[in-house]
Amino acid sequence: MRTRWAIRGFLGLLILGSGLSPLPAFAGDSLYGKVKEVKSAGVVVLDYGSGQYDIRIVGIDVPKEGPGADKAKEFVAKLVLGKNARIRFEGRAKDGQMVSRLTTDEPDIGLKDVGLEMVRAGLARKAKDYDYKYGELAAAEKEAREAKRGLWASPPPK
């Protein structure tokens, strides 16, 4: 009888304890929240209710400084700042940031992959040796290049 109560008590504490600690994130996991800050064109802060994560947008290279960086950050802010969003976790950066696909989740603008939209607008490049499953980033970069948008608007310096 005591053994049964001890096992039930232990299981109850185990279940209670697992609910209190944050679960680890695995590749492919999704998380919903609201974007509270745009730190740069490639990094946003997602508030998921009980905490916040710095999210690095996967698959893109964005300008670090200059007018291109400012324009890209403004583009991201218009798309997601203060709005509902979803991330699909891909991994962690060396600095602890969550590397994820970031998608808008607002009824008025629909679902849009932020990294893909940045590449399509010519405000970011596809990261070397990375693309989505069906080559969407490469196709978006080709489209921006051919239309001479953003980074591709002027010829490269000689």
N, C-alpha and C. Protein backbone atom coordinates (compact mmCIF):
# COMPACT_ATOMS: atom_id res chain seq x y z
N MET A 1 0.82 -1.19 0.00
CA MET A 1 0.00 0.00 0.00
C MET A 1 0.87 1.26 0.00
N ARG A 2 1.88 1.29 0.88
CA ARG A 2 2.77 2.44 0.94
C ARG A 2 3.56 2.60 -0.35
N THR A 3 3.94 1.49 -0.93
CA THR A 3 4.69 1.54 -2.18
C THR A 3 3.85 2.19 -3.28
N ARG A 4 2.59 1.83 -3.34
CA ARG A 4 1.71 2.41 -4.36
C ARG A 4 1.59 3.92 -4.17
N TRP A 5 1.43 4.39 -2.93
CA TRP A 5 1.35 5.82 -2.67
C TRP A 5 2.66 6.53 -3.00
N ALA A 6 3.76 5.87 -2.69
CA ALA A 6 5.07 6.46 -3.00
C ALA A 6 5.25 6.62 -4.50
N ILE A 7 4.85 5.60 -5.26
CA ILE A 7 4.98 5.67 -6.72
C ILE A 7 4.08 6.76 -7.27
N ARG A 8 2.84 6.85 -6.79
CA ARG A 8 1.93 7.90 -7.25
C ARG A 8 2.47 9.29 -6.91
N GLY A 9 3.00 9.43 -5.71
CA GLY A 9 3.58 10.72 -5.30
C GLY A 9 4.77 11.10 -6.16
N PHE A 10 5.63 10.12 -6.43
CA PHE A 10 6.80 10.38 -7.27
C PHE A 10 6.37 10.78 -8.69
N LEU A 11 5.43 10.05 -9.25
CA LEU A 11 4.93 10.37 -10.59
C LEU A 11 4.28 11.75 -10.63
N GLY A 12 3.53 12.09 -9.59
CA GLY A 12 2.91 13.41 -9.51
C GLY A 12 3.95 14.52 -9.48
N LEU A 13 5.00 14.35 -8.68
CA LEU A 13 6.08 15.34 -8.63
C LEU A 13 6.83 15.43 -9.95
N LEU A 14 7.02 14.29 -10.59
CA LEU A 14 7.69 14.27 -11.89
C LEU A 14 6.89 15.04 -12.93
N ILE A 15 5.60 14.83 -12.97
CA ILE A 15 4.73 15.55 -13.92
C ILE A 15 4.71 17.04 -13.59
N LEU A 16 4.60 17.39 -12.33
CA LEU A 16 4.60 18.79 -11.92
C LEU A 16 5.92 19.45 -12.29
N GLY A 17 7.02 18.78 -12.01
CA GLY A 17 8.35 19.33 -12.31
C GLY A 17 8.58 19.52 -13.80
N SER A 18 8.07 18.60 -14.60
CA SER A 18 8.28 18.74 -16.04
C SER A 18 7.50 19.91 -16.60
N GLY A 19 6.40 20.28 -15.98
CA GLY A 19 5.62 21.42 -16.43
C GLY A 19 6.25 22.75 -16.08
N LEU A 20 7.12 22.77 -15.09
CA LEU A 20 7.74 24.01 -14.65
C LEU A 20 9.01 24.36 -15.41
N SER A 21 9.70 23.37 -15.95
CA SER A 21 10.95 23.66 -16.64
C SER A 21 10.70 23.83 -18.13
N PRO A 22 11.45 24.75 -18.78
CA PRO A 22 11.26 24.94 -20.20
C PRO A 22 11.72 23.71 -20.97
N LEU A 23 10.97 23.35 -21.99
CA LEU A 23 11.33 22.20 -22.80
C LEU A 23 12.38 22.60 -23.82
N PRO A 24 13.30 21.71 -24.13
CA PRO A 24 14.29 22.05 -25.15
C PRO A 24 13.62 22.15 -26.51
N ALA A 25 14.17 23.00 -27.37
CA ALA A 25 13.64 23.13 -28.72
C ALA A 25 14.40 22.19 -29.64
N PHE A 26 13.67 21.58 -30.55
CA PHE A 26 14.26 20.67 -31.53
C PHE A 26 13.98 21.21 -32.92
N ALA A 27 14.87 20.90 -33.87
CA ALA A 27 14.68 21.33 -35.25
C ALA A 27 13.30 20.90 -35.73
N GLY A 28 12.60 21.83 -36.35
CA GLY A 28 11.25 21.57 -36.83
C GLY A 28 10.16 22.02 -35.88
N ASP A 29 10.51 22.30 -34.62
CA ASP A 29 9.52 22.78 -33.66
C ASP A 29 9.05 24.18 -34.08
N SER A 30 7.79 24.48 -33.82
CA SER A 30 7.22 25.80 -34.10
C SER A 30 6.85 26.49 -32.81
N LEU A 31 6.90 27.81 -32.84
CA LEU A 31 6.55 28.62 -31.69
C LEU A 31 5.84 29.87 -32.20
N TYR A 32 4.76 30.25 -31.56
CA TYR A 32 3.99 31.42 -31.95
C TYR A 32 4.19 32.52 -30.94
N GLY A 33 4.14 33.76 -31.42
CA GLY A 33 4.27 34.89 -30.52
C GLY A 33 4.10 36.19 -31.26
N LYS A 34 4.60 37.25 -30.63
CA LYS A 34 4.52 38.59 -31.21
C LYS A 34 5.92 39.17 -31.26
N VAL A 35 6.28 39.77 -32.38
CA VAL A 35 7.61 40.37 -32.53
C VAL A 35 7.61 41.69 -31.78
N LYS A 36 8.48 41.77 -30.77
CA LYS A 36 8.54 42.95 -29.91
C LYS A 36 9.63 43.94 -30.32
N GLU A 37 10.66 43.44 -31.03
CA GLU A 37 11.78 44.31 -31.40
C GLU A 37 12.44 43.77 -32.65
N VAL A 38 12.92 44.68 -33.49
CA VAL A 38 13.73 44.32 -34.64
C VAL A 38 15.13 44.86 -34.34
N LYS A 39 16.05 43.97 -33.97
CA LYS A 39 17.41 44.38 -33.61
C LYS A 39 18.23 44.73 -34.84
N SER A 40 18.02 43.97 -35.90
CA SER A 40 18.66 44.22 -37.19
C SER A 40 17.79 43.55 -38.23
N ALA A 41 18.18 43.65 -39.50
CA ALA A 41 17.38 43.03 -40.56
C ALA A 41 17.34 41.52 -40.41
N GLY A 42 18.32 40.94 -39.74
CA GLY A 42 18.37 39.49 -39.60
C GLY A 42 18.02 38.96 -38.23
N VAL A 43 17.78 39.84 -37.25
CA VAL A 43 17.50 39.40 -35.88
C VAL A 43 16.31 40.16 -35.30
N VAL A 44 15.33 39.40 -34.80
CA VAL A 44 14.16 39.99 -34.15
C VAL A 44 13.98 39.35 -32.78
N VAL A 45 13.19 40.00 -31.93
CA VAL A 45 12.86 39.45 -30.61
C VAL A 45 11.41 39.01 -30.65
N LEU A 46 11.18 37.72 -30.39
CA LEU A 46 9.84 37.14 -30.37
C LEU A 46 9.41 36.91 -28.93
N ASP A 47 8.29 37.53 -28.54
CA ASP A 47 7.70 37.31 -27.23
C ASP A 47 6.65 36.22 -27.38
N TYR A 48 6.85 35.10 -26.69
CA TYR A 48 5.93 33.97 -26.82
C TYR A 48 5.01 33.84 -25.61
N GLY A 49 4.89 34.88 -24.84
CA GLY A 49 3.96 34.89 -23.70
C GLY A 49 4.66 34.72 -22.38
N SER A 50 5.39 33.62 -22.20
CA SER A 50 6.07 33.40 -20.93
C SER A 50 7.56 33.69 -21.02
N GLY A 51 7.99 34.32 -22.11
CA GLY A 51 9.39 34.67 -22.29
C GLY A 51 9.64 35.24 -23.67
N GLN A 52 10.91 35.49 -23.95
CA GLN A 52 11.30 36.05 -25.24
C GLN A 52 12.52 35.32 -25.77
N TYR A 53 12.62 35.27 -27.08
CA TYR A 53 13.79 34.69 -27.74
C TYR A 53 14.31 35.67 -28.78
N ASP A 54 15.64 35.75 -28.90
CA ASP A 54 16.24 36.42 -30.04
C ASP A 54 16.22 35.42 -31.18
N ILE A 55 15.66 35.82 -32.31
CA ILE A 55 15.50 34.94 -33.46
C ILE A 55 16.36 35.46 -34.61
N ARG A 56 17.29 34.63 -35.07
CA ARG A 56 18.08 34.95 -36.26
C ARG A 56 17.39 34.27 -37.44
N ILE A 57 17.05 35.06 -38.47
CA ILE A 57 16.35 34.53 -39.63
C ILE A 57 17.32 33.65 -40.43
N VAL A 58 16.94 32.41 -40.64
CA VAL A 58 17.79 31.43 -41.29
C VAL A 58 17.85 31.64 -42.80
N GLY A 59 19.01 31.33 -43.39
CA GLY A 59 19.13 31.25 -44.83
C GLY A 59 19.44 32.52 -45.57
N ILE A 60 19.63 33.63 -44.85
CA ILE A 60 19.87 34.90 -45.54
C ILE A 60 21.12 35.58 -45.02
N ASP A 61 21.73 36.35 -45.89
CA ASP A 61 22.83 37.25 -45.51
C ASP A 61 22.33 38.66 -45.77
N VAL A 62 22.34 39.48 -44.73
CA VAL A 62 21.86 40.85 -44.85
C VAL A 62 23.02 41.81 -44.67
N PRO A 63 22.94 43.00 -45.29
CA PRO A 63 23.99 44.00 -45.07
C PRO A 63 24.07 44.36 -43.59
N LYS A 64 25.28 44.50 -43.08
CA LYS A 64 25.48 44.79 -41.66
C LYS A 64 25.39 46.28 -41.35
N GLU A 65 25.76 47.12 -42.33
CA GLU A 65 25.73 48.57 -42.09
C GLU A 65 25.47 49.29 -43.39
N GLY A 66 25.20 50.58 -43.27
CA GLY A 66 24.95 51.40 -44.45
C GLY A 66 23.48 51.49 -44.80
N PRO A 67 23.19 52.18 -45.92
CA PRO A 67 21.80 52.38 -46.31
C PRO A 67 21.07 51.08 -46.62
N GLY A 68 21.77 50.08 -47.15
CA GLY A 68 21.15 48.79 -47.42
C GLY A 68 20.68 48.11 -46.16
N ALA A 69 21.48 48.22 -45.09
CA ALA A 69 21.12 47.62 -43.80
C ALA A 69 19.91 48.33 -43.20
N ASP A 70 19.90 49.66 -43.30
CA ASP A 70 18.77 50.43 -42.76
C ASP A 70 17.48 50.11 -43.50
N LYS A 71 17.57 50.03 -44.82
CA LYS A 71 16.39 49.74 -45.63
C LYS A 71 15.86 48.33 -45.34
N ALA A 72 16.77 47.37 -45.18
CA ALA A 72 16.36 45.98 -44.88
C ALA A 72 15.71 45.90 -43.49
N LYS A 73 16.26 46.60 -42.51
CA LYS A 73 15.69 46.60 -41.16
C LYS A 73 14.29 47.22 -41.18
N GLU A 74 14.13 48.31 -41.92
CA GLU A 74 12.83 48.97 -42.04
C GLU A 74 11.81 48.04 -42.70
N PHE A 75 12.24 47.30 -43.71
CA PHE A 75 11.37 46.34 -44.39
C PHE A 75 10.87 45.27 -43.42
N VAL A 76 11.79 44.72 -42.62
CA VAL A 76 11.42 43.70 -41.64
C VAL A 76 10.48 44.28 -40.58
N ALA A 77 10.77 45.49 -40.11
CA ALA A 77 9.93 46.12 -39.10
C ALA A 77 8.50 46.31 -39.62
N LYS A 78 8.35 46.77 -40.86
CA LYS A 78 7.01 46.96 -41.43
C LYS A 78 6.27 45.63 -41.54
N LEU A 79 7.00 44.58 -41.81
CA LEU A 79 6.39 43.27 -42.01
C LEU A 79 5.97 42.61 -40.70
N VAL A 80 6.78 42.73 -39.63
CA VAL A 80 6.50 41.93 -38.43
C VAL A 80 6.46 42.66 -37.09
N LEU A 81 7.00 43.85 -36.98
CA LEU A 81 7.08 44.51 -35.67
C LEU A 81 5.69 44.74 -35.07
N GLY A 82 5.50 44.23 -33.86
CA GLY A 82 4.25 44.37 -33.14
C GLY A 82 3.16 43.44 -33.64
N LYS A 83 3.52 42.51 -34.52
CA LYS A 83 2.53 41.62 -35.12
C LYS A 83 2.77 40.18 -34.70
N ASN A 84 1.74 39.37 -34.88
CA ASN A 84 1.86 37.95 -34.61
C ASN A 84 2.76 37.29 -35.64
N ALA A 85 3.55 36.34 -35.18
CA ALA A 85 4.47 35.64 -36.06
C ALA A 85 4.66 34.22 -35.56
N ARG A 86 5.25 33.41 -36.43
CA ARG A 86 5.55 32.02 -36.08
C ARG A 86 6.99 31.76 -36.49
N ILE A 87 7.70 30.99 -35.67
CA ILE A 87 9.03 30.56 -36.05
C ILE A 87 9.03 29.05 -36.22
N ARG A 88 9.89 28.59 -37.09
CA ARG A 88 10.15 27.15 -37.23
C ARG A 88 11.63 26.99 -36.92
N PHE A 89 11.91 26.42 -35.78
CA PHE A 89 13.26 26.31 -35.25
C PHE A 89 14.14 25.42 -36.14
N GLU A 90 15.33 25.93 -36.47
CA GLU A 90 16.30 25.17 -37.29
C GLU A 90 17.54 24.77 -36.49
N GLY A 91 17.93 25.60 -35.51
CA GLY A 91 19.12 25.32 -34.71
C GLY A 91 19.48 26.53 -33.87
N ARG A 92 20.63 26.47 -33.23
CA ARG A 92 21.11 27.59 -32.42
C ARG A 92 22.41 28.14 -32.98
N ALA A 93 22.54 29.46 -32.94
CA ALA A 93 23.78 30.11 -33.33
C ALA A 93 24.76 30.00 -32.16
N LYS A 94 26.02 30.28 -32.42
CA LYS A 94 27.05 30.20 -31.38
C LYS A 94 26.76 31.13 -30.21
N ASP A 95 26.09 32.27 -30.50
CA ASP A 95 25.78 33.23 -29.44
C ASP A 95 24.47 32.92 -28.72
N GLY A 96 23.84 31.79 -29.03
CA GLY A 96 22.63 31.36 -28.34
C GLY A 96 21.34 31.76 -29.01
N GLN A 97 21.42 32.58 -30.04
CA GLN A 97 20.20 32.97 -30.74
C GLN A 97 19.59 31.75 -31.41
N MET A 98 18.25 31.75 -31.46
CA MET A 98 17.54 30.68 -32.15
C MET A 98 17.56 31.00 -33.64
N VAL A 99 18.08 30.09 -34.44
CA VAL A 99 18.10 30.26 -35.89
C VAL A 99 16.83 29.60 -36.42
N SER A 100 15.98 30.40 -37.05
CA SER A 100 14.64 29.92 -37.40
C SER A 100 14.11 30.57 -38.66
N ARG A 101 13.16 29.90 -39.26
CA ARG A 101 12.35 30.54 -40.30
C ARG A 101 11.32 31.38 -39.58
N LEU A 102 11.13 32.60 -40.03
CA LEU A 102 10.18 33.52 -39.42
C LEU A 102 9.06 33.77 -40.42
N THR A 103 7.83 33.54 -39.98
CA THR A 103 6.67 33.68 -40.85
C THR A 103 5.67 34.62 -40.21
N THR A 104 5.11 35.53 -41.02
CA THR A 104 4.04 36.39 -40.51
C THR A 104 2.83 35.53 -40.22
N ASP A 105 2.02 35.98 -39.29
CA ASP A 105 0.81 35.23 -38.93
C ASP A 105 -0.31 36.24 -38.64
N GLU A 106 -0.51 37.16 -39.57
CA GLU A 106 -1.52 38.20 -39.44
C GLU A 106 -2.58 38.03 -40.51
N PRO A 107 -3.85 38.10 -40.16
CA PRO A 107 -4.92 37.91 -41.15
C PRO A 107 -4.87 38.90 -42.31
N ASP A 108 -4.49 40.16 -42.04
CA ASP A 108 -4.52 41.17 -43.10
C ASP A 108 -3.39 41.03 -44.12
N ILE A 109 -2.27 40.38 -43.76
CA ILE A 109 -1.18 40.20 -44.73
C ILE A 109 -0.94 38.74 -45.08
N GLY A 110 -1.56 37.84 -44.35
CA GLY A 110 -1.42 36.42 -44.64
C GLY A 110 -0.10 35.86 -44.14
N LEU A 111 0.19 34.65 -44.57
CA LEU A 111 1.43 33.98 -44.19
C LEU A 111 2.52 34.34 -45.19
N LYS A 112 3.60 34.92 -44.69
CA LYS A 112 4.73 35.27 -45.55
C LYS A 112 6.01 34.89 -44.83
N ASP A 113 6.91 34.22 -45.55
CA ASP A 113 8.22 33.88 -45.01
C ASP A 113 9.08 35.14 -45.10
N VAL A 114 9.50 35.67 -43.98
CA VAL A 114 10.20 36.95 -43.93
C VAL A 114 11.53 36.88 -44.67
N GLY A 115 12.31 35.83 -44.47
CA GLY A 115 13.59 35.70 -45.17
C GLY A 115 13.40 35.65 -46.68
N LEU A 116 12.44 34.89 -47.12
CA LEU A 116 12.15 34.78 -48.54
C LEU A 116 11.71 36.12 -49.13
N GLU A 117 10.87 36.84 -48.40
CA GLU A 117 10.40 38.16 -48.86
C GLU A 117 11.56 39.15 -48.94
N MET A 118 12.52 39.06 -48.01
CA MET A 118 13.68 39.96 -48.05
C MET A 118 14.54 39.67 -49.27
N VAL A 119 14.77 38.40 -49.55
CA VAL A 119 15.58 38.03 -50.73
C VAL A 119 14.85 38.46 -51.99
N ARG A 120 13.56 38.22 -52.07
CA ARG A 120 12.76 38.59 -53.25
C ARG A 120 12.79 40.10 -53.48
N ALA A 121 12.81 40.89 -52.40
CA ALA A 121 12.86 42.36 -52.51
C ALA A 121 14.26 42.87 -52.81
N GLY A 122 15.26 41.96 -52.81
CA GLY A 122 16.63 42.37 -53.07
C GLY A 122 17.32 42.99 -51.88
N LEU A 123 16.78 42.79 -50.69
CA LEU A 123 17.35 43.38 -49.47
C LEU A 123 18.25 42.43 -48.71
N ALA A 124 18.35 41.18 -49.19
CA ALA A 124 19.23 40.18 -48.59
C ALA A 124 19.63 39.20 -49.69
N ARG A 125 20.73 38.52 -49.43
CA ARG A 125 21.18 37.46 -50.34
C ARG A 125 20.88 36.11 -49.71
N LYS A 126 20.75 35.12 -50.55
CA LYS A 126 20.65 33.74 -50.07
C LYS A 126 21.98 33.38 -49.43
N ALA A 127 21.96 32.80 -48.27
CA ALA A 127 23.19 32.38 -47.60
C ALA A 127 23.88 31.29 -48.42
N LYS A 128 25.18 31.34 -48.46
CA LYS A 128 25.96 30.35 -49.20
C LYS A 128 25.68 28.95 -48.63
N ASP A 129 25.52 28.00 -49.51
CA ASP A 129 25.30 26.60 -49.14
C ASP A 129 24.02 26.37 -48.33
N TYR A 130 23.02 27.24 -48.53
CA TYR A 130 21.75 27.04 -47.83
C TYR A 130 20.61 27.41 -48.76
N ASP A 131 19.57 26.62 -48.73
CA ASP A 131 18.33 26.95 -49.43
C ASP A 131 17.23 26.12 -48.81
N TYR A 132 16.01 26.53 -49.04
CA TYR A 132 14.87 25.75 -48.57
C TYR A 132 14.73 24.51 -49.45
N LYS A 133 13.88 23.64 -49.05
CA LYS A 133 13.72 22.33 -49.68
C LYS A 133 13.55 22.39 -51.20
N TYR A 134 12.79 23.34 -51.69
CA TYR A 134 12.50 23.40 -53.12
C TYR A 134 13.23 24.53 -53.84
N GLY A 135 14.27 25.07 -53.24
CA GLY A 135 15.08 26.10 -53.89
C GLY A 135 14.42 27.47 -53.96
N GLU A 136 13.52 27.75 -53.03
CA GLU A 136 12.80 29.03 -53.07
C GLU A 136 13.72 30.24 -52.92
N LEU A 137 14.74 30.14 -52.07
CA LEU A 137 15.63 31.28 -51.88
C LEU A 137 16.44 31.57 -53.14
N ALA A 138 16.93 30.54 -53.79
CA ALA A 138 17.69 30.72 -55.03
C ALA A 138 16.80 31.34 -56.11
N ALA A 139 15.57 30.88 -56.21
CA ALA A 139 14.64 31.43 -57.20
C ALA A 139 14.31 32.89 -56.89
N ALA A 140 14.13 33.22 -55.61
CA ALA A 140 13.82 34.59 -55.21
C ALA A 140 15.01 35.51 -55.50
N GLU A 141 16.23 35.02 -55.24
CA GLU A 141 17.41 35.83 -55.52
C GLU A 141 17.57 36.06 -57.02
N LYS A 142 17.32 35.04 -57.81
CA LYS A 142 17.39 35.18 -59.27
C LYS A 142 16.37 36.20 -59.75
N GLU A 143 15.15 36.13 -59.21
CA GLU A 143 14.09 37.08 -59.57
C GLU A 143 14.50 38.52 -59.25
N ALA A 144 15.06 38.75 -58.03
CA ALA A 144 15.48 40.09 -57.62
C ALA A 144 16.63 40.58 -58.50
N ARG A 145 17.55 39.69 -58.82
CA ARG A 145 18.70 40.05 -59.66
C ARG A 145 18.24 40.49 -61.06
N GLU A 146 17.35 39.67 -61.65
CA GLU A 146 16.86 39.98 -62.99
C GLU A 146 16.03 41.25 -63.03
N ALA A 147 15.30 41.53 -61.95
CA ALA A 147 14.48 42.75 -61.87
C ALA A 147 15.29 43.94 -61.37
N LYS A 148 16.57 43.70 -61.01
CA LYS A 148 17.47 44.75 -60.50
C LYS A 148 16.88 45.49 -59.29
N ARG A 149 16.42 44.68 -58.32
CA ARG A 149 15.86 45.24 -57.09
C ARG A 149 16.90 45.25 -55.98
N GLY A 150 16.82 46.28 -55.14
CA GLY A 150 17.64 46.35 -53.93
C GLY A 150 19.13 46.25 -54.19
N LEU A 151 19.77 45.22 -53.65
CA LEU A 151 21.21 45.02 -53.78
C LEU A 151 21.65 44.90 -55.24
N TRP A 152 20.74 44.52 -56.09
CA TRP A 152 21.06 44.27 -57.50
C TRP A 152 20.71 45.46 -58.39
N ALA A 153 20.32 46.60 -57.79
CA ALA A 153 19.88 47.76 -58.55
C ALA A 153 21.02 48.43 -59.34
N SER A 154 22.20 48.41 -58.82
CA SER A 154 23.32 49.02 -59.52
C SER A 154 24.37 47.97 -59.81
N PRO A 155 25.18 48.21 -60.83
CA PRO A 155 26.23 47.23 -61.14
C PRO A 155 27.24 47.13 -60.00
N PRO A 156 27.84 45.95 -59.81
CA PRO A 156 28.83 45.80 -58.74
C PRO A 156 30.05 46.70 -58.98
N PRO A 157 30.68 47.18 -57.90
CA PRO A 157 31.86 48.04 -58.05
C PRO A 157 33.01 47.28 -58.70
N LYS A 158 33.81 48.00 -59.49
CA LYS A 158 34.95 47.37 -60.20
C LYS A 158 36.23 47.54 -59.44
